[in-house]
Amino acid sequence: MKGLLAISRGIDGLNTRLGLAVGWLILITTLVSAYNAVVRKVFDTSSNGLLEIQWYLFGAVFLLGAAYTLQQNAHVRIDVLSNRFSESTRAWIDILGHVLFTLPLIGFVLVSGWDFAYESFRINEYSADPGGLIRWPAKALIVLGFGLLGLQVCSEIIKKIAVIKGHPTPCQ
C-alpha cells in the first residue's frame, strides 16, 4: 500500500502544481477578453484569432483544472446525503462511482479524443474563420485534460482504498 500511496502523492503533486499554474490562465483569459472588447468598441475592429484564443484558454482552464478540482474535493457532490455515512462507506461509494462511471467516461473520451486530435494534427486543421487559429492544440487539450483527470481518479481510488484498509489518510 505504501508504494501505491507514493504514486498517489506523485499524481497529486503533479495535478496540484498544474492546477495552481492553470489559475494564471484565468487572468490571461480576462486580459485577452478585456483587450478584445476595448479594441472592438473603441476602434470598431476585432480579431477572430483573439476570440478563438479566449475560447482555447477557457477550455484549457476547464480541462486542465478538472483533475485539481477533483483532488481538492471541490467538485459537485451531494454532501447532505454523504455526510450521514461513515468515512468507510463514503470511500466505497466514491470507489464505485469512479470505477463504474468516471473511468469508463474518461476512457471513452480518451479513445475518441485521441482520434479527434490526431486527425486535426494530421491535416493541420485551421479555423475556417479569417485570421483563425490552428485547431489541433485545442483538441489535444481534451486528451491531456482527461488523461490528467484519469490519473487523479486513480489517485483518489488509491486513497479511498487506504481509508477502507485503515491506513492514515494521506496528506495533500
C-alpha atoms as a PDB file:
ATOM      1  CA  MET A   1       0.000   0.000   0.000  1.00  0.00           C
ATOM      2  CA  LYS A   2       2.916   2.355   0.699  1.00  0.00           C
ATOM      3  CA  GLY A   3       4.058   2.154  -2.917  1.00  0.00           C
ATOM      4  CA  LEU A   4       0.578   2.948  -4.200  1.00  0.00           C
ATOM      5  CA  LEU A   5       0.277   5.862  -1.793  1.00  0.00           C
ATOM      6  CA  ALA A   6       3.635   7.173  -3.059  1.00  0.00           C
ATOM      7  CA  ILE A   7       2.277   7.025  -6.624  1.00  0.00           C
ATOM      8  CA  SER A   8      -0.874   8.796  -5.419  1.00  0.00           C
ATOM      9  CA  ARG A   9       1.214  11.558  -3.819  1.00  0.00           C
ATOM     10  CA  GLY A  10       3.126  11.971  -7.082  1.00  0.00           C
ATOM     11  CA  ILE A  11      -0.096  12.305  -9.084  1.00  0.00           C
ATOM     12  CA  ASP A  12      -1.498  14.717  -6.502  1.00  0.00           C
ATOM     13  CA  GLY A  13       1.689  16.792  -6.655  1.00  0.00           C
ATOM     14  CA  LEU A  14       1.573  16.967 -10.445  1.00  0.00           C
ATOM     15  CA  ASN A  15      -2.082  17.999 -10.522  1.00  0.00           C
ATOM     16  CA  THR A  16      -1.617  20.490  -7.689  1.00  0.00           C
ATOM     17  CA  ARG A  17       1.243  22.247  -9.474  1.00  0.00           C
ATOM     18  CA  LEU A  18      -0.642  22.226 -12.765  1.00  0.00           C
ATOM     19  CA  GLY A  19      -3.894  23.350 -11.130  1.00  0.00           C
ATOM     20  CA  LEU A  20      -2.219  26.317  -9.487  1.00  0.00           C
ATOM     21  CA  ALA A  21      -0.450  27.246 -12.732  1.00  0.00           C
ATOM     22  CA  VAL A  22      -3.707  26.989 -14.680  1.00  0.00           C
ATOM     23  CA  GLY A  23      -5.150  29.609 -12.345  1.00  0.00           C
ATOM     24  CA  TRP A  24      -2.946  32.127 -14.137  1.00  0.00           C
ATOM     25  CA  LEU A  25      -4.698  31.282 -17.394  1.00  0.00           C
ATOM     26  CA  ILE A  26      -7.830  32.816 -15.917  1.00  0.00           C
ATOM     27  CA  LEU A  27      -6.001  36.139 -15.595  1.00  0.00           C
ATOM     28  CA  ILE A  28      -4.622  35.852 -19.135  1.00  0.00           C
ATOM     29  CA  THR A  29      -8.094  34.982 -20.461  1.00  0.00           C
ATOM     30  CA  THR A  30      -9.550  38.008 -18.695  1.00  0.00           C
ATOM     31  CA  LEU A  31      -6.870  40.322 -20.086  1.00  0.00           C
ATOM     32  CA  VAL A  32      -7.308  38.993 -23.644  1.00  0.00           C
ATOM     33  CA  SER A  33     -11.091  39.341 -23.328  1.00  0.00           C
ATOM     34  CA  ALA A  34     -10.824  42.892 -21.992  1.00  0.00           C
ATOM     35  CA  TYR A  35      -8.355  43.870 -24.708  1.00  0.00           C
ATOM     36  CA  ASN A  36     -10.578  42.385 -27.383  1.00  0.00           C
ATOM     37  CA  ALA A  37     -13.648  44.196 -26.015  1.00  0.00           C
ATOM     38  CA  VAL A  38     -11.865  47.555 -25.835  1.00  0.00           C
ATOM     39  CA  VAL A  39     -10.441  47.240 -29.350  1.00  0.00           C
ATOM     40  CA  ARG A  40     -13.849  46.228 -30.681  1.00  0.00           C
ATOM     41  CA  LYS A  41     -15.669  49.154 -29.011  1.00  0.00           C
ATOM     42  CA  VAL A  42     -13.045  51.871 -29.411  1.00  0.00           C
ATOM     43  CA  PHE A  43     -11.613  51.013 -32.836  1.00  0.00           C
ATOM     44  CA  ASP A  44     -14.594  49.104 -34.247  1.00  0.00           C
ATOM     45  CA  THR A  45     -12.391  46.178 -35.203  1.00  0.00           C
ATOM     46  CA  SER A  46     -11.910  42.656 -33.965  1.00  0.00           C
ATOM     47  CA  SER A  47      -9.753  39.628 -34.460  1.00  0.00           C
ATOM     48  CA  ASN A  48     -11.035  36.096 -34.897  1.00  0.00           C
ATOM     49  CA  GLY A  49      -7.690  34.902 -33.575  1.00  0.00           C
ATOM     50  CA  LEU A  50      -8.225  36.829 -30.325  1.00  0.00           C
ATOM     51  CA  LEU A  51     -11.749  35.463 -29.982  1.00  0.00           C
ATOM     52  CA  GLU A  52     -10.525  31.932 -30.560  1.00  0.00           C
ATOM     53  CA  ILE A  53      -7.633  32.271 -28.106  1.00  0.00           C
ATOM     54  CA  GLN A  54     -10.218  33.237 -25.470  1.00  0.00           C
ATOM     55  CA  TRP A  55     -12.081  30.001 -26.183  1.00  0.00           C
ATOM     56  CA  TYR A  56      -8.865  27.975 -26.149  1.00  0.00           C
ATOM     57  CA  LEU A  57      -7.758  29.496 -22.849  1.00  0.00           C
ATOM     58  CA  PHE A  58     -11.164  28.916 -21.270  1.00  0.00           C
ATOM     59  CA  GLY A  59     -11.087  25.317 -22.495  1.00  0.00           C
ATOM     60  CA  ALA A  60      -7.582  24.887 -21.085  1.00  0.00           C
ATOM     61  CA  VAL A  61      -8.702  26.183 -17.677  1.00  0.00           C
ATOM     62  CA  PHE A  62     -11.645  23.804 -17.609  1.00  0.00           C
ATOM     63  CA  LEU A  63      -9.825  20.740 -18.963  1.00  0.00           C
ATOM     64  CA  LEU A  64      -6.515  21.149 -17.150  1.00  0.00           C
ATOM     65  CA  GLY A  65      -8.184  22.266 -13.918  1.00  0.00           C
ATOM     66  CA  ALA A  66     -10.614  19.339 -13.641  1.00  0.00           C
ATOM     67  CA  ALA A  67      -8.098  16.977 -12.035  1.00  0.00           C
ATOM     68  CA  TYR A  68      -7.090  19.609  -9.483  1.00  0.00           C
ATOM     69  CA  THR A  69     -10.759  20.272  -8.713  1.00  0.00           C
ATOM     70  CA  LEU A  70     -11.328  16.558  -8.044  1.00  0.00           C
ATOM     71  CA  GLN A  71      -8.205  16.334  -5.916  1.00  0.00           C
ATOM     72  CA  GLN A  72      -9.293  19.311  -3.806  1.00  0.00           C
ATOM     73  CA  ASN A  73     -12.780  17.788  -3.425  1.00  0.00           C
ATOM     74  CA  ALA A  74     -14.219  20.965  -4.947  1.00  0.00           C
ATOM     75  CA  HIS A  75     -16.439  19.179  -7.442  1.00  0.00           C
ATOM     76  CA  VAL A  76     -20.200  18.857  -7.132  1.00  0.00           C
ATOM     77  CA  ARG A  77     -21.439  16.210  -4.739  1.00  0.00           C
ATOM     78  CA  ILE A  78     -24.459  15.633  -2.559  1.00  0.00           C
ATOM     79  CA  ASP A  79     -22.983  16.326   0.878  1.00  0.00           C
ATOM     80  CA  VAL A  80     -26.381  16.294   2.582  1.00  0.00           C
ATOM     81  CA  LEU A  81     -26.552  12.554   1.973  1.00  0.00           C
ATOM     82  CA  SER A  82     -22.892  11.585   2.048  1.00  0.00           C
ATOM     83  CA  ASN A  83     -22.221  13.293   5.392  1.00  0.00           C
ATOM     84  CA  ARG A  84     -24.623  10.836   7.042  1.00  0.00           C
ATOM     85  CA  PHE A  85     -22.405   7.881   6.106  1.00  0.00           C
ATOM     86  CA  SER A  86     -19.232   6.677   7.761  1.00  0.00           C
ATOM     87  CA  GLU A  87     -15.900   7.539   6.187  1.00  0.00           C
ATOM     88  CA  SER A  88     -15.543   3.930   5.034  1.00  0.00           C
ATOM     89  CA  THR A  89     -18.988   3.925   3.385  1.00  0.00           C
ATOM     90  CA  ARG A  90     -18.223   7.221   1.637  1.00  0.00           C
ATOM     91  CA  ALA A  91     -14.954   5.704   0.417  1.00  0.00           C
ATOM     92  CA  TRP A  92     -16.810   2.706  -1.034  1.00  0.00           C
ATOM     93  CA  ILE A  93     -19.357   4.972  -2.727  1.00  0.00           C
ATOM     94  CA  ASP A  94     -16.547   7.047  -4.249  1.00  0.00           C
ATOM     95  CA  ILE A  95     -14.699   3.944  -5.469  1.00  0.00           C
ATOM     96  CA  LEU A  96     -17.840   2.511  -7.057  1.00  0.00           C
ATOM     97  CA  GLY A  97     -18.688   5.841  -8.666  1.00  0.00           C
ATOM     98  CA  HIS A  98     -15.193   6.201 -10.082  1.00  0.00           C
ATOM     99  CA  VAL A  99     -14.971   2.626 -11.353  1.00  0.00           C
ATOM    100  CA  LEU A 100     -18.496   2.374 -12.760  1.00  0.00           C
ATOM    101  CA  PHE A 101     -18.971   5.880 -14.138  1.00  0.00           C
ATOM    102  CA  THR A 102     -15.944   8.169 -14.146  1.00  0.00           C
ATOM    103  CA  LEU A 103     -13.265   5.828 -15.522  1.00  0.00           C
ATOM    104  CA  PRO A 104     -15.438   4.464 -18.371  1.00  0.00           C
ATOM    105  CA  LEU A 105     -16.338   8.028 -19.410  1.00  0.00           C
ATOM    106  CA  ILE A 106     -12.694   9.071 -19.277  1.00  0.00           C
ATOM    107  CA  GLY A 107     -11.714   6.006 -21.329  1.00  0.00           C
ATOM    108  CA  PHE A 108     -14.330   6.824 -23.953  1.00  0.00           C
ATOM    109  CA  VAL A 109     -13.229  10.453 -24.191  1.00  0.00           C
ATOM    110  CA  LEU A 110      -9.544   9.488 -24.382  1.00  0.00           C
ATOM    111  CA  VAL A 111     -10.110   6.998 -27.211  1.00  0.00           C
ATOM    112  CA  SER A 112     -12.427   9.323 -29.136  1.00  0.00           C
ATOM    113  CA  GLY A 113     -10.408  12.430 -28.312  1.00  0.00           C
ATOM    114  CA  TRP A 114      -7.145  10.884 -29.448  1.00  0.00           C
ATOM    115  CA  ASP A 115      -8.539  10.195 -32.920  1.00  0.00           C
ATOM    116  CA  PHE A 116     -10.179  13.637 -32.974  1.00  0.00           C
ATOM    117  CA  ALA A 117      -6.937  15.447 -32.065  1.00  0.00           C
ATOM    118  CA  TYR A 118      -4.692  13.263 -34.208  1.00  0.00           C
ATOM    119  CA  GLU A 119      -6.799  13.785 -37.334  1.00  0.00           C
ATOM    120  CA  SER A 120      -6.757  17.542 -36.741  1.00  0.00           C
ATOM    121  CA  PHE A 121      -2.965  17.425 -36.344  1.00  0.00           C
ATOM    122  CA  ARG A 122      -2.546  15.171 -39.389  1.00  0.00           C
ATOM    123  CA  ILE A 123      -4.412  17.551 -41.718  1.00  0.00           C
ATOM    124  CA  ASN A 124      -3.016  20.662 -39.989  1.00  0.00           C
ATOM    125  CA  GLU A 125      -6.562  21.887 -39.374  1.00  0.00           C
ATOM    126  CA  TYR A 126      -7.153  25.612 -39.048  1.00  0.00           C
ATOM    127  CA  SER A 127     -10.252  27.531 -38.135  1.00  0.00           C
ATOM    128  CA  ALA A 128     -12.492  28.308 -41.101  1.00  0.00           C
ATOM    129  CA  ASP A 129     -12.732  31.925 -39.919  1.00  0.00           C
ATOM    130  CA  PRO A 130     -10.327  34.508 -41.412  1.00  0.00           C
ATOM    131  CA  GLY A 131      -7.417  35.015 -39.033  1.00  0.00           C
ATOM    132  CA  GLY A 132      -8.440  31.961 -37.044  1.00  0.00           C
ATOM    133  CA  LEU A 133      -6.053  29.694 -35.197  1.00  0.00           C
ATOM    134  CA  ILE A 134      -4.731  26.212 -35.713  1.00  0.00           C
ATOM    135  CA  ARG A 135      -7.149  23.713 -34.140  1.00  0.00           C
ATOM    136  CA  TRP A 136      -5.157  20.666 -33.062  1.00  0.00           C
ATOM    137  CA  PRO A 137      -3.687  22.189 -29.865  1.00  0.00           C
ATOM    138  CA  ALA A 138      -7.179  22.875 -28.539  1.00  0.00           C
ATOM    139  CA  LYS A 139      -8.278  19.362 -29.465  1.00  0.00           C
ATOM    140  CA  ALA A 140      -5.149  17.882 -27.880  1.00  0.00           C
ATOM    141  CA  LEU A 141      -6.100  19.626 -24.629  1.00  0.00           C
ATOM    142  CA  ILE A 142      -9.109  17.293 -24.459  1.00  0.00           C
ATOM    143  CA  VAL A 143      -6.818  14.275 -24.386  1.00  0.00           C
ATOM    144  CA  LEU A 144      -4.372  15.878 -21.952  1.00  0.00           C
ATOM    145  CA  GLY A 145      -7.100  17.114 -19.603  1.00  0.00           C
ATOM    146  CA  PHE A 146      -8.947  13.808 -19.480  1.00  0.00           C
ATOM    147  CA  GLY A 147      -5.633  11.934 -19.133  1.00  0.00           C
ATOM    148  CA  LEU A 148      -4.787  14.026 -16.065  1.00  0.00           C
ATOM    149  CA  LEU A 149      -8.310  13.516 -14.734  1.00  0.00           C
ATOM    150  CA  GLY A 150      -7.920   9.757 -15.210  1.00  0.00           C
ATOM    151  CA  LEU A 151      -4.665   9.812 -13.250  1.00  0.00           C
ATOM    152  CA  GLN A 152      -6.331  11.804 -10.480  1.00  0.00           C
ATOM    153  CA  VAL A 153      -9.250   9.364 -10.341  1.00  0.00           C
ATOM    154  CA  CYS A 154      -6.719   6.539  -9.889  1.00  0.00           C
ATOM    155  CA  SER A 155      -5.061   8.547  -7.118  1.00  0.00           C
ATOM    156  CA  GLU A 156      -8.433   9.065  -5.427  1.00  0.00           C
ATOM    157  CA  ILE A 157      -9.201   5.347  -5.649  1.00  0.00           C
ATOM    158  CA  ILE A 158      -5.846   4.543  -4.029  1.00  0.00           C
ATOM    159  CA  LYS A 159      -6.573   6.978  -1.185  1.00  0.00           C
ATOM    160  CA  LYS A 160     -10.090   5.569  -0.686  1.00  0.00           C
ATOM    161  CA  ILE A 161      -8.702   2.026  -0.510  1.00  0.00           C
ATOM    162  CA  ALA A 162      -6.226   3.267   2.101  1.00  0.00           C
ATOM    163  CA  VAL A 163      -9.127   4.681   4.125  1.00  0.00           C
ATOM    164  CA  ILE A 164     -11.014   1.375   3.918  1.00  0.00           C
ATOM    165  CA  LYS A 165      -7.901  -0.569   4.984  1.00  0.00           C
ATOM    166  CA  GLY A 166      -7.439   1.761   7.941  1.00  0.00           C
ATOM    167  CA  HIS A 167      -4.265   3.437   6.754  1.00  0.00           C
ATOM    168  CA  PRO A 168      -3.776   7.027   7.846  1.00  0.00           C
ATOM    169  CA  THR A 169      -5.464   9.417   5.429  1.00  0.00           C
ATOM    170  CA  PRO A 170      -2.745  10.708   3.104  1.00  0.00           C
ATOM    171  CA  CYS A 171      -1.971  14.405   3.332  1.00  0.00           C
ATOM    172  CA  GLN A 172      -2.483  16.539   0.290  1.00  0.00           C
END
